[in-house]
Amino acid sequence: MVDKEIKTHLVKKIAKNNKVCTSCDNLIDVGDAYHLEEGVNQHLHSLIARQFCSDCYAKYGEIKLLKQK
């Protein structure tokens, strides 16, 4: 079986509407910085892209957050 996993990385964004952190379920308010998962070489649909608050990003780092499934 061929593994079709999409390579991803996190990109820092500013919230234009309220969001919820995928890791801790805390609210990300409008105007707050957060980190959005994006595909490196392929498009990652917004329905499956994870978003993390800055606190989780600072606490765990990109590699550890992306390994969570």
Protein backbone atom coordinates (compact mmCIF):
# COMPACT_ATOMS: atom_id res chain seq x y z
CA MET A 1 0.00 0.00 0.00
CA VAL A 2 1.31 3.48 -0.88
CA ASP A 3 1.47 6.04 1.94
CA LYS A 4 -0.27 9.23 0.77
CA GLU A 5 0.61 11.41 3.76
CA ILE A 6 0.87 15.12 2.92
CA LYS A 7 3.99 16.89 4.21
CA THR A 8 2.94 19.93 6.25
CA HIS A 9 4.36 22.86 8.18
CA LEU A 10 2.92 25.61 10.38
CA VAL A 11 2.48 29.21 9.24
CA LYS A 12 1.90 32.11 11.63
CA LYS A 13 -1.38 33.94 10.97
CA ILE A 14 -3.55 36.58 12.64
CA ALA A 15 -7.11 35.43 13.41
CA LYS A 16 -9.78 37.30 11.44
CA ASN A 17 -12.53 35.42 13.27
CA ASN A 18 -12.68 33.29 16.41
CA LYS A 19 -11.03 29.87 16.19
CA VAL A 20 -10.39 26.97 18.56
CA CYS A 21 -6.94 25.48 19.17
CA THR A 22 -6.72 21.88 17.97
CA SER A 23 -4.39 20.95 20.82
CA CYS A 24 -5.87 22.57 23.96
CA ASP A 25 -9.39 23.59 22.80
CA ASN A 26 -8.83 27.18 23.99
CA LEU A 27 -10.41 30.05 22.09
CA ILE A 28 -8.21 32.02 19.66
CA ASP A 29 -9.72 35.52 19.62
CA VAL A 30 -9.90 37.89 16.67
CA GLY A 31 -6.54 39.66 16.28
CA ASP A 32 -4.55 36.98 18.13
CA ALA A 33 -1.65 35.21 16.46
CA TYR A 34 -2.04 31.48 15.80
CA HIS A 35 -0.30 28.83 13.69
CA LEU A 36 -2.11 27.20 10.76
CA GLU A 37 -1.10 23.90 9.18
CA GLU A 38 -0.37 24.14 5.44
CA GLY A 39 0.85 21.61 2.90
CA VAL A 40 4.46 21.95 1.75
CA ASN A 41 4.07 20.76 -1.86
CA GLN A 42 0.36 19.95 -1.95
CA HIS A 43 -2.82 21.80 -1.05
CA LEU A 44 -4.18 20.94 2.40
CA HIS A 45 -7.93 21.53 2.52
CA SER A 46 -9.08 23.93 5.23
CA LEU A 47 -11.43 21.31 6.67
CA ILE A 48 -8.52 19.08 7.70
CA ALA A 49 -5.89 21.77 8.42
CA ARG A 50 -5.21 22.06 12.13
CA GLN A 51 -4.73 25.37 13.97
CA PHE A 52 -2.78 25.91 17.15
CA CYS A 53 -2.69 28.82 19.60
CA SER A 54 0.61 30.60 20.24
CA ASP A 55 0.79 29.13 23.77
CA CYS A 56 0.74 25.53 22.46
CA TYR A 57 3.23 26.44 19.72
CA ALA A 58 5.61 27.93 22.32
CA LYS A 59 5.13 25.01 24.71
CA TYR A 60 5.41 22.07 22.27
CA GLY A 61 6.99 23.40 19.07
CA GLU A 62 6.11 22.66 15.46
CA ILE A 63 7.47 19.13 15.20
CA LYS A 64 5.63 17.82 18.26
CA LEU A 65 2.33 19.51 17.31
CA LEU A 66 2.42 18.12 13.77
CA LYS A 67 3.03 14.58 15.07
CA GLN A 68 -0.28 14.68 17.01
CA LYS A 69 -3.05 12.91 15.09
